Amino acid sequence: MTSLGLAAFVGLTGIHAGPIFLSALRESGVGLLLGGMAVTLLPQIVGFCFGHFVLRMNPILLLGGLTGAQTVTAAMAALQERSESPAPVLGYTPAYPVANILLTT
């Protein structure tokens, strides 16, 4: 039932935001969209590569930390489900409050 409610919420939000998104895309161009994608993805990619190759962190803990840093609880749930382990929470737990404090400031 929770998944159905979440799917309905996402669907209705998308229906409402679609026309606004298209008009903003026409005004600002595709560069704004691509810039937003880069700003969102590059820190995650750099953080994963640094944590995995330089710090030699366990990928599950590292992904948990990255989801906490982005404050994305849904990604944390998906990561736990996919890994079939509660281990990602160990990375998520310290990163989440720090990210919320930094987002607030």
PDB file of N, CA and C in Angstrom:
ATOM      1  N   MET A   1       0.817  -1.184   0.000  1.00  0.00           N
ATOM      2  CA  MET A   1       0.000   0.000   0.000  1.00  0.00           C
ATOM      3  C   MET A   1       0.868   1.258   0.000  1.00  0.00           C
ATOM      4  N   THR A   2       2.005   1.195   0.698  1.00  0.00           N
ATOM      5  CA  THR A   2       2.897   2.350   0.740  1.00  0.00           C
ATOM      6  C   THR A   2       3.439   2.664  -0.649  1.00  0.00           C
ATOM      7  N   SER A   3       3.796   1.632  -1.399  1.00  0.00           N
ATOM      8  CA  SER A   3       4.325   1.841  -2.749  1.00  0.00           C
ATOM      9  C   SER A   3       3.277   2.481  -3.661  1.00  0.00           C
ATOM     10  N   LEU A   4       2.033   2.073  -3.498  1.00  0.00           N
ATOM     11  CA  LEU A   4       0.962   2.637  -4.314  1.00  0.00           C
ATOM     12  C   LEU A   4       0.783   4.122  -4.003  1.00  0.00           C
ATOM     13  N   GLY A   5       0.796   4.476  -2.728  1.00  0.00           N
ATOM     14  CA  GLY A   5       0.667   5.876  -2.339  1.00  0.00           C
ATOM     15  C   GLY A   5       1.822   6.717  -2.850  1.00  0.00           C
ATOM     16  N   LEU A   6       3.043   6.168  -2.760  1.00  0.00           N
ATOM     17  CA  LEU A   6       4.217   6.887  -3.257  1.00  0.00           C
ATOM     18  C   LEU A   6       4.144   7.058  -4.770  1.00  0.00           C
ATOM     19  N   ALA A   7       3.713   6.013  -5.475  1.00  0.00           N
ATOM     20  CA  ALA A   7       3.589   6.103  -6.930  1.00  0.00           C
ATOM     21  C   ALA A   7       2.546   7.146  -7.329  1.00  0.00           C
ATOM     22  N   ALA A   8       1.446   7.201  -6.594  1.00  0.00           N
ATOM     23  CA  ALA A   8       0.415   8.201  -6.893  1.00  0.00           C
ATOM     24  C   ALA A   8       0.940   9.608  -6.642  1.00  0.00           C
ATOM     25  N   PHE A   9       1.677   9.783  -5.552  1.00  0.00           N
ATOM     26  CA  PHE A   9       2.244  11.100  -5.233  1.00  0.00           C
ATOM     27  C   PHE A   9       3.218  11.543  -6.317  1.00  0.00           C
ATOM     28  N   VAL A  10       4.103  10.661  -6.729  1.00  0.00           N
ATOM     29  CA  VAL A  10       5.081  10.998  -7.764  1.00  0.00           C
ATOM     30  C   VAL A  10       4.379  11.297  -9.082  1.00  0.00           C
ATOM     31  N   GLY A  11       3.375  10.500  -9.420  1.00  0.00           N
ATOM     32  CA  GLY A  11       2.633  10.727 -10.664  1.00  0.00           C
ATOM     33  C   GLY A  11       1.921  12.071 -10.681  1.00  0.00           C
ATOM     34  N   LEU A  12       1.247  12.398  -9.596  1.00  0.00           N
ATOM     35  CA  LEU A  12       0.531  13.675  -9.534  1.00  0.00           C
ATOM     36  C   LEU A  12       1.494  14.861  -9.518  1.00  0.00           C
ATOM     37  N   THR A  13       2.612  14.704  -8.846  1.00  0.00           N
ATOM     38  CA  THR A  13       3.618  15.765  -8.842  1.00  0.00           C
ATOM     39  C   THR A  13       4.168  15.984 -10.249  1.00  0.00           C
ATOM     40  N   GLY A  14       4.413  14.890 -10.963  1.00  0.00           N
ATOM     41  CA  GLY A  14       4.902  14.998 -12.334  1.00  0.00           C
ATOM     42  C   GLY A  14       3.898  15.647 -13.263  1.00  0.00           C
ATOM     43  N   ILE A  15       2.627  15.308 -13.106  1.00  0.00           N
ATOM     44  CA  ILE A  15       1.580  15.922 -13.933  1.00  0.00           C
ATOM     45  C   ILE A  15       1.514  17.425 -13.676  1.00  0.00           C
ATOM     46  N   HIS A  16       1.655  17.813 -12.421  1.00  0.00           N
ATOM     47  CA  HIS A  16       1.601  19.234 -12.070  1.00  0.00           C
ATOM     48  C   HIS A  16       2.853  19.982 -12.541  1.00  0.00           C
ATOM     49  N   ALA A  17       4.024  19.335 -12.432  1.00  0.00           N
ATOM     50  CA  ALA A  17       5.282  20.017 -12.738  1.00  0.00           C
ATOM     51  C   ALA A  17       5.637  19.978 -14.224  1.00  0.00           C
ATOM     52  N   GLY A  18       5.025  19.102 -14.993  1.00  0.00           N
ATOM     53  CA  GLY A  18       5.372  18.946 -16.400  1.00  0.00           C
ATOM     54  C   GLY A  18       5.282  20.223 -17.217  1.00  0.00           C
ATOM     55  N   PRO A  19       4.156  20.919 -17.218  1.00  0.00           N
ATOM     56  CA  PRO A  19       4.049  22.150 -18.009  1.00  0.00           C
ATOM     57  C   PRO A  19       5.029  23.243 -17.550  1.00  0.00           C
ATOM     58  N   ILE A  20       5.226  23.345 -16.252  1.00  0.00           N
ATOM     59  CA  ILE A  20       6.171  24.335 -15.725  1.00  0.00           C
ATOM     60  C   ILE A  20       7.581  23.995 -16.170  1.00  0.00           C
ATOM     61  N   PHE A  21       7.927  22.696 -16.136  1.00  0.00           N
ATOM     62  CA  PHE A  21       9.250  22.257 -16.556  1.00  0.00           C
ATOM     63  C   PHE A  21       9.490  22.581 -18.026  1.00  0.00           C
ATOM     64  N   LEU A  22       8.510  22.313 -18.863  1.00  0.00           N
ATOM     65  CA  LEU A  22       8.677  22.563 -20.297  1.00  0.00           C
ATOM     66  C   LEU A  22       8.822  24.054 -20.600  1.00  0.00           C
ATOM     67  N   SER A  23       8.054  24.883 -19.922  1.00  0.00           N
ATOM     68  CA  SER A  23       8.196  26.325 -20.165  1.00  0.00           C
ATOM     69  C   SER A  23       9.542  26.837 -19.655  1.00  0.00           C
ATOM     70  N   ALA A  24      10.021  26.319 -18.543  1.00  0.00           N
ATOM     71  CA  ALA A  24      11.337  26.714 -18.030  1.00  0.00           C
ATOM     72  C   ALA A  24      12.439  26.240 -18.963  1.00  0.00           C
ATOM     73  N   LEU A  25      12.263  25.067 -19.540  1.00  0.00           N
ATOM     74  CA  LEU A  25      13.246  24.541 -20.484  1.00  0.00           C
ATOM     75  C   LEU A  25      13.296  25.400 -21.748  1.00  0.00           C
ATOM     76  N   ARG A  26      12.139  25.870 -22.211  1.00  0.00           N
ATOM     77  CA  ARG A  26      12.103  26.751 -23.377  1.00  0.00           C
ATOM     78  C   ARG A  26      12.782  28.085 -23.081  1.00  0.00           C
ATOM     79  N   GLU A  27      12.573  28.621 -21.881  1.00  0.00           N
ATOM     80  CA  GLU A  27      13.155  29.916 -21.516  1.00  0.00           C
ATOM     81  C   GLU A  27      14.658  29.829 -21.285  1.00  0.00           C
ATOM     82  N   SER A  28      15.091  28.824 -20.551  1.00  0.00           N
ATOM     83  CA  SER A  28      16.492  28.750 -20.118  1.00  0.00           C
ATOM     84  C   SER A  28      17.360  27.886 -21.013  1.00  0.00           C
ATOM     85  N   GLY A  29      16.766  27.006 -21.758  1.00  0.00           N
ATOM     86  CA  GLY A  29      17.530  26.154 -22.654  1.00  0.00           C
ATOM     87  C   GLY A  29      17.962  24.859 -21.993  1.00  0.00           C
ATOM     88  N   VAL A  30      18.510  23.988 -22.812  1.00  0.00           N
ATOM     89  CA  VAL A  30      18.937  22.671 -22.360  1.00  0.00           C
ATOM     90  C   VAL A  30      20.177  22.785 -21.479  1.00  0.00           C
ATOM     91  N   GLY A  31      20.930  23.864 -21.616  1.00  0.00           N
ATOM     92  CA  GLY A  31      22.135  24.049 -20.801  1.00  0.00           C
ATOM     93  C   GLY A  31      21.844  24.028 -19.313  1.00  0.00           C
ATOM     94  N   LEU A  32      20.726  24.612 -18.926  1.00  0.00           N
ATOM     95  CA  LEU A  32      20.343  24.615 -17.516  1.00  0.00           C
ATOM     96  C   LEU A  32      20.045  23.191 -17.041  1.00  0.00           C
ATOM     97  N   LEU A  33      19.363  22.413 -17.865  1.00  0.00           N
ATOM     98  CA  LEU A  33      19.070  21.027 -17.529  1.00  0.00           C
ATOM     99  C   LEU A  33      20.361  20.220 -17.395  1.00  0.00           C
ATOM    100  N   LEU A  34      21.255  20.363 -18.362  1.00  0.00           N
ATOM    101  CA  LEU A  34      22.524  19.629 -18.319  1.00  0.00           C
ATOM    102  C   LEU A  34      23.393  20.089 -17.153  1.00  0.00           C
ATOM    103  N   GLY A  35      23.376  21.381 -16.852  1.00  0.00           N
ATOM    104  CA  GLY A  35      24.117  21.891 -15.709  1.00  0.00           C
ATOM    105  C   GLY A  35      23.593  21.313 -14.401  1.00  0.00           C
ATOM    106  N   GLY A  36      22.275  21.222 -14.278  1.00  0.00           N
ATOM    107  CA  GLY A  36      21.679  20.616 -13.091  1.00  0.00           C
ATOM    108  C   GLY A  36      22.047  19.150 -12.953  1.00  0.00           C
ATOM    109  N   MET A  37      22.084  18.435 -14.070  1.00  0.00           N
ATOM    110  CA  MET A  37      22.491  17.033 -14.035  1.00  0.00           C
ATOM    111  C   MET A  37      23.940  16.903 -13.591  1.00  0.00           C
ATOM    112  N   ALA A  38      24.804  17.779 -14.100  1.00  0.00           N
ATOM    113  CA  ALA A  38      26.216  17.722 -13.736  1.00  0.00           C
ATOM    114  C   ALA A  38      26.416  18.034 -12.255  1.00  0.00           C
ATOM    115  N   VAL A  39      25.729  19.052 -11.764  1.00  0.00           N
ATOM    116  CA  VAL A  39      25.865  19.441 -10.357  1.00  0.00           C
ATOM    117  C   VAL A  39      25.357  18.334  -9.433  1.00  0.00           C
ATOM    118  N   THR A  40      24.379  17.577  -9.890  1.00  0.00           N
ATOM    119  CA  THR A  40      23.828  16.500  -9.081  1.00  0.00           C
ATOM    120  C   THR A  40      24.689  15.245  -9.145  1.00  0.00           C
ATOM    121  N   LEU A  41      25.177  14.886 -10.329  1.00  0.00           N
ATOM    122  CA  LEU A  41      25.877  13.618 -10.498  1.00  0.00           C
ATOM    123  C   LEU A  41      27.375  13.671 -10.212  1.00  0.00           C
ATOM    124  N   LEU A  42      28.043  14.754 -10.563  1.00  0.00           N
ATOM    125  CA  LEU A  42      29.496  14.796 -10.400  1.00  0.00           C
ATOM    126  C   LEU A  42      29.968  14.605  -8.960  1.00  0.00           C
ATOM    127  N   PRO A  43      29.366  15.248  -7.963  1.00  0.00           N
ATOM    128  CA  PRO A  43      29.828  14.982  -6.591  1.00  0.00           C
ATOM    129  C   PRO A  43      29.664  13.522  -6.184  1.00  0.00           C
ATOM    130  N   GLN A  44      28.605  12.888  -6.657  1.00  0.00           N
ATOM    131  CA  GLN A  44      28.392  11.481  -6.325  1.00  0.00           C
ATOM    132  C   GLN A  44      29.454  10.593  -6.981  1.00  0.00           C
ATOM    133  N   ILE A  45      29.741  10.865  -8.238  1.00  0.00           N
ATOM    134  CA  ILE A  45      30.734  10.063  -8.959  1.00  0.00           C
ATOM    135  C   ILE A  45      32.123  10.276  -8.369  1.00  0.00           C
ATOM    136  N   VAL A  46      32.490  11.532  -8.137  1.00  0.00           N
ATOM    137  CA  VAL A  46      33.807  11.832  -7.553  1.00  0.00           C
ATOM    138  C   VAL A  46      33.905  11.244  -6.149  1.00  0.00           C
ATOM    139  N   GLY A  47      32.846  11.394  -5.345  1.00  0.00           N
ATOM    140  CA  GLY A  47      32.855  10.841  -3.995  1.00  0.00           C
ATOM    141  C   GLY A  47      32.981   9.330  -3.996  1.00  0.00           C
ATOM    142  N   PHE A  48      32.283   8.664  -4.912  1.00  0.00           N
ATOM    143  CA  PHE A  48      32.387   7.213  -4.974  1.00  0.00           C
ATOM    144  C   PHE A  48      33.779   6.779  -5.403  1.00  0.00           C
ATOM    145  N   CYS A  49      34.314   7.411  -6.442  1.00  0.00           N
ATOM    146  CA  CYS A  49      35.651   7.039  -6.923  1.00  0.00           C
ATOM    147  C   CYS A  49      36.711   7.293  -5.854  1.00  0.00           C
ATOM    148  N   PHE A  50      36.630   8.441  -5.168  1.00  0.00           N
ATOM    149  CA  PHE A  50      37.596   8.751  -4.117  1.00  0.00           C
ATOM    150  C   PHE A  50      37.484   7.745  -2.971  1.00  0.00           C
ATOM    151  N   GLY A  51      36.271   7.474  -2.538  1.00  0.00           N
ATOM    152  CA  GLY A  51      36.078   6.539  -1.432  1.00  0.00           C
ATOM    153  C   GLY A  51      36.475   5.120  -1.778  1.00  0.00           C
ATOM    154  N   HIS A  52      36.201   4.707  -2.999  1.00  0.00           N
ATOM    155  CA  HIS A  52      36.481   3.324  -3.392  1.00  0.00           C
ATOM    156  C   HIS A  52      37.955   3.104  -3.730  1.00  0.00           C
ATOM    157  N   PHE A  53      38.530   4.007  -4.522  1.00  0.00           N
ATOM    158  CA  PHE A  53      39.893   3.780  -4.994  1.00  0.00           C
ATOM    159  C   PHE A  53      40.964   4.356  -4.072  1.00  0.00           C
ATOM    160  N   VAL A  54      40.723   5.485  -3.456  1.00  0.00           N
ATOM    161  CA  VAL A  54      41.736   6.107  -2.601  1.00  0.00           C
ATOM    162  C   VAL A  54      41.613   5.612  -1.160  1.00  0.00           C
ATOM    163  N   LEU A  55      40.400   5.685  -0.609  1.00  0.00           N
ATOM    164  CA  LEU A  55      40.202   5.281   0.783  1.00  0.00           C
ATOM    165  C   LEU A  55      39.941   3.791   0.949  1.00  0.00           C
ATOM    166  N   ARG A  56      39.681   3.100  -0.150  1.00  0.00           N
ATOM    167  CA  ARG A  56      39.420   1.666  -0.175  1.00  0.00           C
ATOM    168  C   ARG A  56      38.273   1.262   0.768  1.00  0.00           C
ATOM    169  N   MET A  57      37.203   2.043   0.702  1.00  0.00           N
ATOM    170  CA  MET A  57      36.025   1.769   1.530  1.00  0.00           C
ATOM    171  C   MET A  57      35.181   0.664   0.914  1.00  0.00           C
ATOM    172  N   ASN A  58      34.452  -0.029   1.774  1.00  0.00           N
ATOM    173  CA  ASN A  58      33.499  -1.025   1.318  1.00  0.00           C
ATOM    174  C   ASN A  58      32.431  -0.314   0.491  1.00  0.00           C
ATOM    175  N   PRO A  59      32.141  -0.780  -0.718  1.00  0.00           N
ATOM    176  CA  PRO A  59      31.176  -0.083  -1.577  1.00  0.00           C
ATOM    177  C   PRO A  59      29.777   0.067  -0.966  1.00  0.00           C
ATOM    178  N   ILE A  60      29.346  -0.899  -0.186  1.00  0.00           N
ATOM    179  CA  ILE A  60      28.020  -0.808   0.420  1.00  0.00           C
ATOM    180  C   ILE A  60      27.979   0.322   1.446  1.00  0.00           C
ATOM    181  N   LEU A  61      29.013   0.410   2.288  1.00  0.00           N
ATOM    182  CA  LEU A  61      29.076   1.493   3.266  1.00  0.00           C
ATOM    183  C   LEU A  61      29.231   2.839   2.570  1.00  0.00           C
ATOM    184  N   LEU A  62      30.015   2.846   1.522  1.00  0.00           N
ATOM    185  CA  LEU A  62      30.250   4.079   0.766  1.00  0.00           C
ATOM    186  C   LEU A  62      28.959   4.579   0.112  1.00  0.00           C
ATOM    187  N   LEU A  63      28.207   3.685  -0.503  1.00  0.00           N
ATOM    188  CA  LEU A  63      26.940   4.079  -1.109  1.00  0.00           C
ATOM    189  C   LEU A  63      25.946   4.551  -0.053  1.00  0.00           C
ATOM    190  N   GLY A  64      25.969   3.927   1.117  1.00  0.00           N
ATOM    191  CA  GLY A  64      25.129   4.386   2.215  1.00  0.00           C
ATOM    192  C   GLY A  64      25.496   5.801   2.632  1.00  0.00           C
ATOM    193  N   GLY A  65      26.799   6.084   2.698  1.00  0.00           N
ATOM    194  CA  GLY A  65      27.250   7.431   3.034  1.00  0.00           C
ATOM    195  C   GLY A  65      26.869   8.450   1.980  1.00  0.00           C
ATOM    196  N   LEU A  66      26.941   8.071   0.724  1.00  0.00           N
ATOM    197  CA  LEU A  66      26.584   8.988  -0.354  1.00  0.00           C
ATOM    198  C   LEU A  66      25.078   9.278  -0.356  1.00  0.00           C
ATOM    199  N   THR A  67      24.264   8.276  -0.053  1.00  0.00           N
ATOM    200  CA  THR A  67      22.824   8.544   0.025  1.00  0.00           C
ATOM    201  C   THR A  67      22.504   9.428   1.222  1.00  0.00           C
ATOM    202  N   GLY A  68      23.236   9.270   2.307  1.00  0.00           N
ATOM    203  CA  GLY A  68      23.057  10.140   3.462  1.00  0.00           C
ATOM    204  C   GLY A  68      23.483  11.559   3.163  1.00  0.00           C
ATOM    205  N   ALA A  69      24.567  11.710   2.412  1.00  0.00           N
ATOM    206  CA  ALA A  69      25.054  13.042   2.063  1.00  0.00           C
ATOM    207  C   ALA A  69      24.066  13.773   1.166  1.00  0.00           C
ATOM    208  N   GLN A  70      23.330  13.056   0.355  1.00  0.00           N
ATOM    209  CA  GLN A  70      22.309  13.667  -0.495  1.00  0.00           C
ATOM    210  C   GLN A  70      20.959  13.740   0.201  1.00  0.00           C
ATOM    211  N   THR A  71      20.870  13.217   1.412  1.00  0.00           N
ATOM    212  CA  THR A  71      19.637  13.159   2.213  1.00  0.00           C
ATOM    213  C   THR A  71      18.480  12.531   1.434  1.00  0.00           C
ATOM    214  N   VAL A  72      18.757  11.404   0.799  1.00  0.00           N
ATOM    215  CA  VAL A  72      17.750  10.714   0.005  1.00  0.00           C
ATOM    216  C   VAL A  72      17.392   9.408   0.708  1.00  0.00           C
ATOM    217  N   THR A  73      16.350   9.449   1.516  1.00  0.00           N
ATOM    218  CA  THR A  73      15.936   8.281   2.276  1.00  0.00           C
ATOM    219  C   THR A  73      15.430   7.170   1.362  1.00  0.00           C
ATOM    220  N   ALA A  74      14.794   7.516   0.272  1.00  0.00           N
ATOM    221  CA  ALA A  74      14.296   6.501  -0.661  1.00  0.00           C
ATOM    222  C   ALA A  74      15.449   5.713  -1.274  1.00  0.00           C
ATOM    223  N   ALA A  75      16.556   6.380  -1.564  1.00  0.00           N
ATOM    224  CA  ALA A  75      17.722   5.683  -2.099  1.00  0.00           C
ATOM    225  C   ALA A  75      18.307   4.744  -1.053  1.00  0.00           C
ATOM    226  N   MET A  76      18.246   5.155   0.210  1.00  0.00           N
ATOM    227  CA  MET A  76      18.723   4.296   1.291  1.00  0.00           C
ATOM    228  C   MET A  76      17.896   3.021   1.369  1.00  0.00           C
ATOM    229  N   ALA A  77      16.587   3.153   1.264  1.00  0.00           N
ATOM    230  CA  ALA A  77      15.706   1.982   1.295  1.00  0.00           C
ATOM    231  C   ALA A  77      15.979   1.072   0.098  1.00  0.00           C
ATOM    232  N   ALA A  78      16.182   1.659  -1.071  1.00  0.00           N
ATOM    233  CA  ALA A  78      16.477   0.856  -2.266  1.00  0.00           C
ATOM    234  C   ALA A  78      17.825   0.151  -2.131  1.00  0.00           C
ATOM    235  N   LEU A  79      18.787   0.833  -1.551  1.00  0.00           N
ATOM    236  CA  LEU A  79      20.120   0.241  -1.357  1.00  0.00           C
ATOM    237  C   LEU A  79      20.047  -0.928  -0.384  1.00  0.00           C
ATOM    238  N   GLN A  80      19.298  -0.772   0.691  1.00  0.00           N
ATOM    239  CA  GLN A  80      19.130  -1.877   1.637  1.00  0.00           C
ATOM    240  C   GLN A  80      18.425  -3.059   0.989  1.00  0.00           C
ATOM    241  N   GLU A  81      17.411  -2.768   0.202  1.00  0.00           N
ATOM    242  CA  GLU A  81      16.671  -3.836  -0.459  1.00  0.00           C
ATOM    243  C   GLU A  81      17.546  -4.562  -1.473  1.00  0.00           C
ATOM    244  N   ARG A  82      18.309  -3.804  -2.230  1.00  0.00           N
ATOM    245  CA  ARG A  82      19.160  -4.399  -3.269  1.00  0.00           C
ATOM    246  C   ARG A  82      20.312  -5.209  -2.674  1.00  0.00           C
ATOM    247  N   SER A  83      20.906  -4.697  -1.588  1.00  0.00           N
ATOM    248  CA  SER A  83      22.035  -5.392  -0.971  1.00  0.00           C
ATOM    249  C   SER A  83      21.589  -6.502  -0.030  1.00  0.00           C
ATOM    250  N   GLU A  84      20.287  -6.531   0.290  1.00  0.00           N
ATOM    251  CA  GLU A  84      19.722  -7.521   1.215  1.00  0.00           C
ATOM    252  C   GLU A  84      20.463  -7.511   2.544  1.00  0.00           C
ATOM    253  N   SER A  85      20.822  -6.302   2.986  1.00  0.00           N
ATOM    254  CA  SER A  85      21.583  -6.153   4.217  1.00  0.00           C
ATOM    255  C   SER A  85      21.285  -4.790   4.832  1.00  0.00           C
ATOM    256  N   PRO A  86      21.314  -4.706   6.149  1.00  0.00           N
ATOM    257  CA  PRO A  86      21.161  -3.401   6.790  1.00  0.00           C
ATOM    258  C   PRO A  86      22.481  -2.638   6.888  1.00  0.00           C
ATOM    259  N   ALA A  87      23.564  -3.182   6.352  1.00  0.00           N
ATOM    260  CA  ALA A  87      24.897  -2.574   6.460  1.00  0.00           C
ATOM    261  C   ALA A  87      24.991  -1.154   5.896  1.00  0.00           C
ATOM    262  N   PRO A  88      24.279  -0.789   4.825  1.00  0.00           N
ATOM    263  CA  PRO A  88      24.415   0.585   4.314  1.00  0.00           C
ATOM    264  C   PRO A  88      24.029   1.664   5.323  1.00  0.00           C
ATOM    265  N   VAL A  89      23.229   1.300   6.318  1.00  0.00           N
ATOM    266  CA  VAL A  89      22.818   2.274   7.327  1.00  0.00           C
ATOM    267  C   VAL A  89      24.026   2.786   8.103  1.00  0.00           C
ATOM    268  N   LEU A  90      25.074   1.964   8.221  1.00  0.00           N
ATOM    269  CA  LEU A  90      26.279   2.394   8.939  1.00  0.00           C
ATOM    270  C   LEU A  90      26.956   3.569   8.245  1.00  0.00           C
ATOM    271  N   GLY A  91      26.869   3.654   6.936  1.00  0.00           N
ATOM    272  CA  GLY A  91      27.410   4.800   6.216  1.00  0.00           C
ATOM    273  C   GLY A  91      26.436   5.965   6.170  1.00  0.00           C
ATOM    274  N   TYR A  92      25.153   5.639   6.136  1.00  0.00           N
ATOM    275  CA  TYR A  92      24.103   6.651   6.018  1.00  0.00           C
ATOM    276  C   TYR A  92      23.967   7.479   7.293  1.00  0.00           C
ATOM    277  N   THR A  93      24.055   6.811   8.433  1.00  0.00           N
ATOM    278  CA  THR A  93      23.765   7.438   9.722  1.00  0.00           C
ATOM    279  C   THR A  93      24.628   8.657  10.029  1.00  0.00           C
ATOM    280  N   PRO A  94      25.950   8.621   9.877  1.00  0.00           N
ATOM    281  CA  PRO A  94      26.713   9.833  10.192  1.00  0.00           C
ATOM    282  C   PRO A  94      26.600  10.921   9.122  1.00  0.00           C
ATOM    283  N   ALA A  95      26.392  10.526   7.883  1.00  0.00           N
ATOM    284  CA  ALA A  95      26.358  11.510   6.796  1.00  0.00           C
ATOM    285  C   ALA A  95      25.055  12.302   6.771  1.00  0.00           C
ATOM    286  N   TYR A  96      23.946  11.682   7.129  1.00  0.00           N
ATOM    287  CA  TYR A  96      22.643  12.332   7.033  1.00  0.00           C
ATOM    288  C   TYR A  96      22.512  13.576   7.918  1.00  0.00           C
ATOM    289  N   PRO A  97      22.830  13.517   9.214  1.00  0.00           N
ATOM    290  CA  PRO A  97      22.679  14.726  10.026  1.00  0.00           C
ATOM    291  C   PRO A  97      23.645  15.844   9.624  1.00  0.00           C
ATOM    292  N   VAL A  98      24.851  15.459   9.229  1.00  0.00           N
ATOM    293  CA  VAL A  98      25.818  16.481   8.788  1.00  0.00           C
ATOM    294  C   VAL A  98      25.301  17.179   7.540  1.00  0.00           C
ATOM    295  N   ALA A  99      24.756  16.402   6.610  1.00  0.00           N
ATOM    296  CA  ALA A  99      24.217  17.002   5.376  1.00  0.00           C
ATOM    297  C   ALA A  99      23.036  17.901   5.677  1.00  0.00           C
ATOM    298  N   ASN A 100      22.169  17.506   6.606  1.00  0.00           N
ATOM    299  CA  ASN A 100      21.036  18.365   6.947  1.00  0.00           C
ATOM    300  C   ASN A 100      21.476  19.669   7.598  1.00  0.00           C
ATOM    301  N   ILE A 101      22.496  19.608   8.434  1.00  0.00           N
ATOM    302  CA  ILE A 101      23.017  20.831   9.047  1.00  0.00           C
ATOM    303  C   ILE A 101      23.624  21.729   7.985  1.00  0.00           C
ATOM    304  N   LEU A 102      24.388  21.153   7.075  1.00  0.00           N
ATOM    305  CA  LEU A 102      25.004  21.961   6.003  1.00  0.00           C
ATOM    306  C   LEU A 102      23.956  22.521   5.054  1.00  0.00           C
ATOM    307  N   LEU A 103      22.909  21.758   4.764  1.00  0.00           N
ATOM    308  CA  LEU A 103      21.840  22.269   3.906  1.00  0.00           C
ATOM    309  C   LEU A 103      21.126  23.442   4.567  1.00  0.00           C
ATOM    310  N   THR A 104      20.955  23.374   5.879  1.00  0.00           N
ATOM    311  CA  THR A 104      20.284  24.443   6.596  1.00  0.00           C
ATOM    312  C   THR A 104      21.129  25.713   6.636  1.00  0.00           C
ATOM    313  N   THR A 105      22.422  25.539   6.843  1.00  0.00           N
ATOM    314  CA  THR A 105      23.296  26.721   6.897  1.00  0.00           C
ATOM    315  C   THR A 105      23.593  27.224   5.518  1.00  0.00           C
TER     316      THR A 105
END
